[in-house]
Amino acid sequence: MSSKALITGASGGIGAAYAERLAARGHELVLVARSGDAMRERFPDAEIIEADLTRDAARTEARLREDTSITTLVNNAGVGLVAPFVQADPDRVEAMIDLNVTALTRLSHAFASTREAGTLINVGSITPLALIEGMAAYNGTKAYVNAFTQTLAAELPQLRVQAVLFGAVGTGLWDKSGLPLEHLDAEIVMDVGEAVDAALAGLDTGELITIPALPDVADWEAFESARLALRPNLSRRDPAARYQVTV
């Protein structure tokens, strides 16, 4: 049985780079995006699913449940929104949540609930760590992806699970988000091919969290250690003494 990779948001940018790299690794491709023509032109041998996952994830879910030769799922489809929260269009915020959170969750469930092995890659972001102003709702959607993926890894030891926390990558997502790519400092923008190569290198070494731009993995490990140190005291019978609550 051949091994297939299903990649969402594959018409360009990070998704298309994943498609190129995974095809080179011997995977047949099942590519999902709204723009089927762009994918057919670039990947003529791929199976194409034209779908707007904000409205119609059902066909892609069904494909994942029915075809267990799909051994890799890359949940890449996403959209950004750069604007002060009170100035943001609530309909755009809702659509972003539908794509970045709801569709990703449904596809992850369709994949994970029907496999005893496989690879699940969720594209997260560094923005929840950096807490970048003007991106409150986007930060929230990617914080979900990061936490969701880390928890899934503990629940699903039979799967290889990874969250990739990209920083700024040179894709068309920026122009659609409201902040043109040309307005960013070139020193913080990574080439899309190099970003995906780094992400796959992290996958190959067994990383659960991959941050392609982070020079020293010890910094992430220290961050995680600090989080785990909080855990025993996050929920207790008595309020902390500093609040001076008497019972």
C-alpha atoms as a PDB file:
ATOM      1  CA  MET A   1       0.000   0.000   0.000  1.00  0.00           C
ATOM      2  CA  SER A   2       1.423   3.372  -1.030  1.00  0.00           C
ATOM      3  CA  SER A   3       2.026   6.092   1.509  1.00  0.00           C
ATOM      4  CA  LYS A   4       0.170   9.338   1.017  1.00  0.00           C
ATOM      5  CA  ALA A   5       0.403  12.773   2.579  1.00  0.00           C
ATOM      6  CA  LEU A   6      -2.620  15.052   2.802  1.00  0.00           C
ATOM      7  CA  ILE A   7      -1.692  18.719   3.002  1.00  0.00           C
ATOM      8  CA  THR A   8      -4.149  21.554   3.510  1.00  0.00           C
ATOM      9  CA  GLY A   9      -3.568  25.054   2.202  1.00  0.00           C
ATOM     10  CA  ALA A  10      -1.344  23.593  -0.499  1.00  0.00           C
ATOM     11  CA  SER A  11      -1.905  26.078  -3.319  1.00  0.00           C
ATOM     12  CA  GLY A  12       1.156  28.104  -2.344  1.00  0.00           C
ATOM     13  CA  GLY A  13       3.504  29.161   0.420  1.00  0.00           C
ATOM     14  CA  ILE A  14       4.244  26.756   3.254  1.00  0.00           C
ATOM     15  CA  GLY A  15       1.724  24.154   2.070  1.00  0.00           C
ATOM     16  CA  ALA A  16       3.210  23.961  -1.418  1.00  0.00           C
ATOM     17  CA  ALA A  17       6.713  23.684   0.043  1.00  0.00           C
ATOM     18  CA  TYR A  18       5.557  20.770   2.214  1.00  0.00           C
ATOM     19  CA  ALA A  19       4.065  19.157  -0.891  1.00  0.00           C
ATOM     20  CA  GLU A  20       7.354  19.419  -2.775  1.00  0.00           C
ATOM     21  CA  ARG A  21       9.391  18.042   0.101  1.00  0.00           C
ATOM     22  CA  LEU A  22       7.051  15.170   0.951  1.00  0.00           C
ATOM     23  CA  ALA A  23       6.741  14.176  -2.709  1.00  0.00           C
ATOM     24  CA  ALA A  24      10.548  14.038  -2.842  1.00  0.00           C
ATOM     25  CA  ARG A  25      10.403  11.717   0.170  1.00  0.00           C
ATOM     26  CA  GLY A  26       8.213   9.316  -1.796  1.00  0.00           C
ATOM     27  CA  HIS A  27       4.734  10.289  -0.661  1.00  0.00           C
ATOM     28  CA  GLU A  28       1.816  10.483  -3.031  1.00  0.00           C
ATOM     29  CA  LEU A  29       0.037  13.782  -2.554  1.00  0.00           C
ATOM     30  CA  VAL A  30      -3.526  14.642  -1.639  1.00  0.00           C
ATOM     31  CA  LEU A  31      -3.727  18.423  -1.703  1.00  0.00           C
ATOM     32  CA  VAL A  32      -6.511  20.582  -0.306  1.00  0.00           C
ATOM     33  CA  ALA A  33      -7.154  24.267  -0.982  1.00  0.00           C
ATOM     34  CA  ARG A  34      -9.735  26.601  -2.451  1.00  0.00           C
ATOM     35  CA  SER A  35      -7.695  27.122  -5.624  1.00  0.00           C
ATOM     36  CA  GLY A  36      -7.532  23.844  -7.466  1.00  0.00           C
ATOM     37  CA  ASP A  37      -6.006  25.283 -10.645  1.00  0.00           C
ATOM     38  CA  ALA A  38      -2.856  26.469  -8.881  1.00  0.00           C
ATOM     39  CA  MET A  39      -2.295  23.043  -7.345  1.00  0.00           C
ATOM     40  CA  ARG A  40      -2.988  21.137 -10.582  1.00  0.00           C
ATOM     41  CA  GLU A  41      -0.479  23.261 -12.464  1.00  0.00           C
ATOM     42  CA  ARG A  42       2.257  22.835  -9.875  1.00  0.00           C
ATOM     43  CA  PHE A  43       1.516  19.227  -8.882  1.00  0.00           C
ATOM     44  CA  PRO A  44      -0.004  17.484 -11.913  1.00  0.00           C
ATOM     45  CA  ASP A  45       0.254  14.013 -10.360  1.00  0.00           C
ATOM     46  CA  ALA A  46      -1.470  14.926  -7.096  1.00  0.00           C
ATOM     47  CA  GLU A  47      -5.029  14.215  -6.084  1.00  0.00           C
ATOM     48  CA  ILE A  48      -6.746  17.571  -5.680  1.00  0.00           C
ATOM     49  CA  ILE A  49      -9.584  18.404  -3.295  1.00  0.00           C
ATOM     50  CA  GLU A  50     -11.004  21.863  -3.909  1.00  0.00           C
ATOM     51  CA  ALA A  51     -12.533  22.966  -0.617  1.00  0.00           C
ATOM     52  CA  ASP A  52     -12.978  26.052   1.515  1.00  0.00           C
ATOM     53  CA  LEU A  53     -12.339  24.483   4.907  1.00  0.00           C
ATOM     54  CA  THR A  54     -14.071  27.355   6.714  1.00  0.00           C
ATOM     55  CA  ARG A  55     -17.350  26.084   5.229  1.00  0.00           C
ATOM     56  CA  ASP A  56     -16.745  22.552   4.018  1.00  0.00           C
ATOM     57  CA  ALA A  57     -14.362  20.280   5.864  1.00  0.00           C
ATOM     58  CA  ALA A  58     -16.653  17.261   5.522  1.00  0.00           C
ATOM     59  CA  ARG A  59     -15.232  15.912   2.247  1.00  0.00           C
ATOM     60  CA  THR A  60     -11.677  16.141   3.524  1.00  0.00           C
ATOM     61  CA  GLU A  61     -12.672  14.512   6.821  1.00  0.00           C
ATOM     62  CA  ALA A  62     -14.319  11.669   4.908  1.00  0.00           C
ATOM     63  CA  ARG A  63     -11.222  11.231   2.759  1.00  0.00           C
ATOM     64  CA  LEU A  64      -9.055  10.900   5.868  1.00  0.00           C
ATOM     65  CA  ARG A  65     -11.396   8.406   7.513  1.00  0.00           C
ATOM     66  CA  GLU A  66     -11.814   6.231   4.429  1.00  0.00           C
ATOM     67  CA  ASP A  67      -8.256   6.099   3.097  1.00  0.00           C
ATOM     68  CA  THR A  68      -5.805   4.826   5.694  1.00  0.00           C
ATOM     69  CA  SER A  69      -3.009   4.870   3.119  1.00  0.00           C
ATOM     70  CA  ILE A  70      -2.853   8.571   4.022  1.00  0.00           C
ATOM     71  CA  THR A  71      -0.171   8.223   6.653  1.00  0.00           C
ATOM     72  CA  THR A  72       0.737  11.899   7.030  1.00  0.00           C
ATOM     73  CA  LEU A  73      -1.549  14.870   7.653  1.00  0.00           C
ATOM     74  CA  VAL A  74      -0.186  18.403   7.464  1.00  0.00           C
ATOM     75  CA  ASN A  75      -2.707  20.857   8.885  1.00  0.00           C
ATOM     76  CA  ASN A  76      -1.274  23.951   7.247  1.00  0.00           C
ATOM     77  CA  ALA A  77      -4.340  25.862   6.037  1.00  0.00           C
ATOM     78  CA  GLY A  78      -4.679  29.077   7.955  1.00  0.00           C
ATOM     79  CA  VAL A  79      -5.230  32.788   7.671  1.00  0.00           C
ATOM     80  CA  GLY A  80      -3.886  35.765   9.565  1.00  0.00           C
ATOM     81  CA  LEU A  81      -5.448  39.037  10.640  1.00  0.00           C
ATOM     82  CA  VAL A  82      -3.419  42.057  11.701  1.00  0.00           C
ATOM     83  CA  ALA A  83      -5.545  44.802  13.245  1.00  0.00           C
ATOM     84  CA  PRO A  84      -6.343  46.145  16.701  1.00  0.00           C
ATOM     85  CA  PHE A  85      -9.024  43.808  18.022  1.00  0.00           C
ATOM     86  CA  VAL A  86     -11.749  46.427  18.428  1.00  0.00           C
ATOM     87  CA  GLN A  87     -11.197  47.533  14.828  1.00  0.00           C
ATOM     88  CA  ALA A  88     -11.255  44.031  13.369  1.00  0.00           C
ATOM     89  CA  ASP A  89     -14.227  42.804  11.367  1.00  0.00           C
ATOM     90  CA  PRO A  90     -15.968  40.211  13.606  1.00  0.00           C
ATOM     91  CA  ASP A  91     -16.916  38.165  10.545  1.00  0.00           C
ATOM     92  CA  ARG A  92     -13.251  37.926   9.512  1.00  0.00           C
ATOM     93  CA  VAL A  93     -12.306  36.963  13.050  1.00  0.00           C
ATOM     94  CA  GLU A  94     -14.943  34.219  13.061  1.00  0.00           C
ATOM     95  CA  ALA A  95     -13.807  32.916   9.671  1.00  0.00           C
ATOM     96  CA  MET A  96     -10.225  32.820  10.938  1.00  0.00           C
ATOM     97  CA  ILE A  97     -11.280  30.785  13.970  1.00  0.00           C
ATOM     98  CA  ASP A  98     -13.263  28.443  11.726  1.00  0.00           C
ATOM     99  CA  LEU A  99     -10.169  27.743   9.621  1.00  0.00           C
ATOM    100  CA  ASN A 100      -7.294  27.964  12.092  1.00  0.00           C
ATOM    101  CA  VAL A 101      -9.059  26.126  14.921  1.00  0.00           C
ATOM    102  CA  THR A 102     -12.255  24.305  13.933  1.00  0.00           C
ATOM    103  CA  ALA A 103     -11.146  22.822  10.620  1.00  0.00           C
ATOM    104  CA  LEU A 104      -7.762  21.818  12.032  1.00  0.00           C
ATOM    105  CA  THR A 105      -9.465  20.116  14.978  1.00  0.00           C
ATOM    106  CA  ARG A 106     -11.944  18.201  12.837  1.00  0.00           C
ATOM    107  CA  LEU A 107      -9.275  16.981  10.428  1.00  0.00           C
ATOM    108  CA  SER A 108      -7.006  15.983  13.302  1.00  0.00           C
ATOM    109  CA  HIS A 109      -9.850  13.947  14.781  1.00  0.00           C
ATOM    110  CA  ALA A 110     -10.634  12.249  11.471  1.00  0.00           C
ATOM    111  CA  PHE A 111      -6.975  11.290  11.113  1.00  0.00           C
ATOM    112  CA  ALA A 112      -6.120  10.325  14.687  1.00  0.00           C
ATOM    113  CA  SER A 113      -9.277   8.330  15.399  1.00  0.00           C
ATOM    114  CA  THR A 114      -8.752   6.016  12.429  1.00  0.00           C
ATOM    115  CA  ARG A 115      -5.035   5.259  12.609  1.00  0.00           C
ATOM    116  CA  GLU A 116      -2.754   3.098  14.708  1.00  0.00           C
ATOM    117  CA  ALA A 117       0.299   4.853  13.270  1.00  0.00           C
ATOM    118  CA  GLY A 118       1.078   7.917  11.244  1.00  0.00           C
ATOM    119  CA  THR A 119       2.364  11.476  11.350  1.00  0.00           C
ATOM    120  CA  LEU A 120       0.317  14.537  12.308  1.00  0.00           C
ATOM    121  CA  ILE A 121       1.891  17.947  11.685  1.00  0.00           C
ATOM    122  CA  ASN A 122       0.058  21.062  12.851  1.00  0.00           C
ATOM    123  CA  VAL A 123       1.304  24.455  11.738  1.00  0.00           C
ATOM    124  CA  GLY A 124       1.294  26.728  14.756  1.00  0.00           C
ATOM    125  CA  SER A 125       3.117  30.012  15.292  1.00  0.00           C
ATOM    126  CA  ILE A 126       5.507  31.848  17.570  1.00  0.00           C
ATOM    127  CA  THR A 127       2.971  34.656  18.003  1.00  0.00           C
ATOM    128  CA  PRO A 128       1.357  33.241  21.191  1.00  0.00           C
ATOM    129  CA  LEU A 129       4.839  33.215  22.752  1.00  0.00           C
ATOM    130  CA  ALA A 130       5.680  36.718  21.559  1.00  0.00           C
ATOM    131  CA  LEU A 131       2.155  38.092  22.223  1.00  0.00           C
ATOM    132  CA  ILE A 132       2.381  40.470  19.291  1.00  0.00           C
ATOM    133  CA  GLU A 133       0.038  43.439  19.599  1.00  0.00           C
ATOM    134  CA  GLY A 134      -2.515  43.888  16.850  1.00  0.00           C
ATOM    135  CA  MET A 135      -2.879  40.126  16.446  1.00  0.00           C
ATOM    136  CA  ALA A 136      -4.956  39.205  19.500  1.00  0.00           C
ATOM    137  CA  ALA A 137      -7.393  36.850  17.787  1.00  0.00           C
ATOM    138  CA  TYR A 138      -4.707  35.293  15.593  1.00  0.00           C
ATOM    139  CA  ASN A 139      -2.495  34.791  18.638  1.00  0.00           C
ATOM    140  CA  GLY A 140      -5.422  33.025  20.287  1.00  0.00           C
ATOM    141  CA  THR A 141      -6.003  30.654  17.376  1.00  0.00           C
ATOM    142  CA  LYS A 142      -2.351  29.663  17.257  1.00  0.00           C
ATOM    143  CA  ALA A 143      -2.138  29.293  21.036  1.00  0.00           C
ATOM    144  CA  TYR A 144      -4.914  26.723  20.604  1.00  0.00           C
ATOM    145  CA  VAL A 145      -2.931  24.889  17.928  1.00  0.00           C
ATOM    146  CA  ASN A 146       0.209  24.809  20.048  1.00  0.00           C
ATOM    147  CA  ALA A 147      -1.533  23.571  23.219  1.00  0.00           C
ATOM    148  CA  PHE A 148      -3.816  21.178  21.336  1.00  0.00           C
ATOM    149  CA  THR A 149      -0.867  19.521  19.623  1.00  0.00           C
ATOM    150  CA  GLN A 150       1.181  19.150  22.791  1.00  0.00           C
ATOM    151  CA  THR A 151      -1.757  17.511  24.557  1.00  0.00           C
ATOM    152  CA  LEU A 152      -2.472  15.222  21.602  1.00  0.00           C
ATOM    153  CA  ALA A 153       1.096  13.945  21.700  1.00  0.00           C
ATOM    154  CA  ALA A 154       0.528  12.721  25.258  1.00  0.00           C
ATOM    155  CA  GLU A 155      -2.826  11.147  24.375  1.00  0.00           C
ATOM    156  CA  LEU A 156      -1.715   9.509  21.120  1.00  0.00           C
ATOM    157  CA  PRO A 157       1.659   7.820  21.592  1.00  0.00           C
ATOM    158  CA  GLN A 158       0.992   5.683  18.527  1.00  0.00           C
ATOM    159  CA  LEU A 159       1.317   8.760  16.306  1.00  0.00           C
ATOM    160  CA  ARG A 160       4.278  10.968  15.549  1.00  0.00           C
ATOM    161  CA  VAL A 161       2.967  14.438  16.401  1.00  0.00           C
ATOM    162  CA  GLN A 162       4.576  17.802  15.774  1.00  0.00           C
ATOM    163  CA  ALA A 163       3.637  21.457  16.094  1.00  0.00           C
ATOM    164  CA  VAL A 164       5.745  23.804  13.994  1.00  0.00           C
ATOM    165  CA  LEU A 165       5.983  27.300  15.431  1.00  0.00           C
ATOM    166  CA  PHE A 166       6.993  29.372  12.447  1.00  0.00           C
ATOM    167  CA  GLY A 167       8.002  32.978  12.804  1.00  0.00           C
ATOM    168  CA  ALA A 168       7.568  35.352   9.876  1.00  0.00           C
ATOM    169  CA  VAL A 169       7.849  33.412   6.621  1.00  0.00           C
ATOM    170  CA  GLY A 170       7.897  35.001   3.177  1.00  0.00           C
ATOM    171  CA  THR A 171       4.462  33.973   1.906  1.00  0.00           C
ATOM    172  CA  GLY A 172       1.354  35.687   0.546  1.00  0.00           C
ATOM    173  CA  LEU A 173      -0.409  35.270   3.898  1.00  0.00           C
ATOM    174  CA  TRP A 174       0.970  38.625   5.024  1.00  0.00           C
ATOM    175  CA  ASP A 175      -0.614  40.658   2.254  1.00  0.00           C
ATOM    176  CA  LYS A 176      -3.979  39.033   2.950  1.00  0.00           C
ATOM    177  CA  SER A 177      -3.636  39.644   6.692  1.00  0.00           C
ATOM    178  CA  GLY A 178      -3.513  43.413   6.432  1.00  0.00           C
ATOM    179  CA  LEU A 179       0.253  43.779   6.955  1.00  0.00           C
ATOM    180  CA  PRO A 180       2.140  43.638   3.638  1.00  0.00           C
ATOM    181  CA  LEU A 181       5.264  41.525   3.684  1.00  0.00           C
ATOM    182  CA  GLU A 182       7.326  44.483   2.452  1.00  0.00           C
ATOM    183  CA  HIS A 183       6.612  46.283   5.727  1.00  0.00           C
ATOM    184  CA  LEU A 184       8.449  43.645   7.758  1.00  0.00           C
ATOM    185  CA  ASP A 185      12.131  43.820   8.630  1.00  0.00           C
ATOM    186  CA  ALA A 186      13.850  41.465   6.181  1.00  0.00           C
ATOM    187  CA  GLU A 187      16.008  40.165   9.031  1.00  0.00           C
ATOM    188  CA  ILE A 188      13.008  38.444  10.654  1.00  0.00           C
ATOM    189  CA  VAL A 189      11.531  36.892   7.482  1.00  0.00           C
ATOM    190  CA  MET A 190      12.580  33.327   6.655  1.00  0.00           C
ATOM    191  CA  ASP A 191      12.552  31.857   3.162  1.00  0.00           C
ATOM    192  CA  VAL A 192       9.614  29.481   2.849  1.00  0.00           C
ATOM    193  CA  GLY A 193      11.660  26.555   1.555  1.00  0.00           C
ATOM    194  CA  GLU A 194      14.242  26.891   4.305  1.00  0.00           C
ATOM    195  CA  ALA A 195      11.469  27.152   6.899  1.00  0.00           C
ATOM    196  CA  VAL A 196       9.879  23.879   5.788  1.00  0.00           C
ATOM    197  CA  ASP A 197      13.243  22.135   5.480  1.00  0.00           C
ATOM    198  CA  ALA A 198      13.964  23.099   9.091  1.00  0.00           C
ATOM    199  CA  ALA A 199      10.515  21.917  10.172  1.00  0.00           C
ATOM    200  CA  LEU A 200      11.047  18.514   8.572  1.00  0.00           C
ATOM    201  CA  ALA A 201      14.515  18.250  10.095  1.00  0.00           C
ATOM    202  CA  GLY A 202      12.864  18.805  13.475  1.00  0.00           C
ATOM    203  CA  LEU A 203      10.321  16.111  12.684  1.00  0.00           C
ATOM    204  CA  ASP A 204      13.083  13.688  11.731  1.00  0.00           C
ATOM    205  CA  THR A 205      14.803  14.195  15.087  1.00  0.00           C
ATOM    206  CA  GLY A 206      11.571  13.573  17.002  1.00  0.00           C
ATOM    207  CA  GLU A 207      10.794  17.115  18.130  1.00  0.00           C
ATOM    208  CA  LEU A 208       7.275  17.709  19.383  1.00  0.00           C
ATOM    209  CA  ILE A 209       7.719  21.481  19.158  1.00  0.00           C
ATOM    210  CA  THR A 210       9.858  22.827  16.348  1.00  0.00           C
ATOM    211  CA  ILE A 211      10.736  26.530  16.193  1.00  0.00           C
ATOM    212  CA  PRO A 212      12.762  26.899  12.978  1.00  0.00           C
ATOM    213  CA  ALA A 213      14.259  30.276  13.919  1.00  0.00           C
ATOM    214  CA  LEU A 214      15.277  29.466  17.506  1.00  0.00           C
ATOM    215  CA  PRO A 215      19.085  29.140  17.671  1.00  0.00           C
ATOM    216  CA  ASP A 216      19.318  27.212  20.953  1.00  0.00           C
ATOM    217  CA  VAL A 217      16.781  24.516  21.768  1.00  0.00           C
ATOM    218  CA  ALA A 218      17.809  24.846  25.417  1.00  0.00           C
ATOM    219  CA  ASP A 219      15.838  28.098  25.527  1.00  0.00           C
ATOM    220  CA  TRP A 220      12.641  26.244  24.649  1.00  0.00           C
ATOM    221  CA  GLU A 221      13.484  23.485  27.093  1.00  0.00           C
ATOM    222  CA  ALA A 222      13.921  26.079  29.858  1.00  0.00           C
ATOM    223  CA  PHE A 223      10.554  27.611  28.946  1.00  0.00           C
ATOM    224  CA  GLU A 224       8.879  24.212  29.155  1.00  0.00           C
ATOM    225  CA  SER A 225      10.616  23.417  32.433  1.00  0.00           C
ATOM    226  CA  ALA A 226       9.302  26.655  33.916  1.00  0.00           C
ATOM    227  CA  ARG A 227       5.777  25.790  32.761  1.00  0.00           C
ATOM    228  CA  LEU A 228       5.964  22.321  34.268  1.00  0.00           C
ATOM    229  CA  ALA A 229       7.249  23.772  37.528  1.00  0.00           C
ATOM    230  CA  LEU A 230       4.044  25.800  37.799  1.00  0.00           C
ATOM    231  CA  ARG A 231       1.797  22.789  37.315  1.00  0.00           C
ATOM    232  CA  PRO A 232       1.632  21.439  40.901  1.00  0.00           C
ATOM    233  CA  ASN A 233       0.501  24.825  42.210  1.00  0.00           C
ATOM    234  CA  LEU A 234      -1.954  25.908  39.527  1.00  0.00           C
ATOM    235  CA  SER A 235      -4.945  24.311  41.248  1.00  0.00           C
ATOM    236  CA  ARG A 236      -5.061  24.055  45.052  1.00  0.00           C
ATOM    237  CA  ARG A 237      -7.656  23.969  47.821  1.00  0.00           C
ATOM    238  CA  ASP A 238      -6.550  27.267  49.361  1.00  0.00           C
ATOM    239  CA  PRO A 239      -6.000  30.658  47.670  1.00  0.00           C
ATOM    240  CA  ALA A 240      -2.411  31.884  47.602  1.00  0.00           C
ATOM    241  CA  ALA A 241      -1.407  33.768  50.742  1.00  0.00           C
ATOM    242  CA  ARG A 242      -0.735  36.983  48.807  1.00  0.00           C
ATOM    243  CA  TYR A 243      -4.475  37.403  48.230  1.00  0.00           C
ATOM    244  CA  GLN A 244      -5.128  37.437  51.975  1.00  0.00           C
ATOM    245  CA  VAL A 245      -8.351  35.478  51.624  1.00  0.00           C
ATOM    246  CA  THR A 246      -9.540  34.026  54.924  1.00  0.00           C
ATOM    247  CA  VAL A 247     -11.999  31.166  55.026  1.00  0.00           C
END
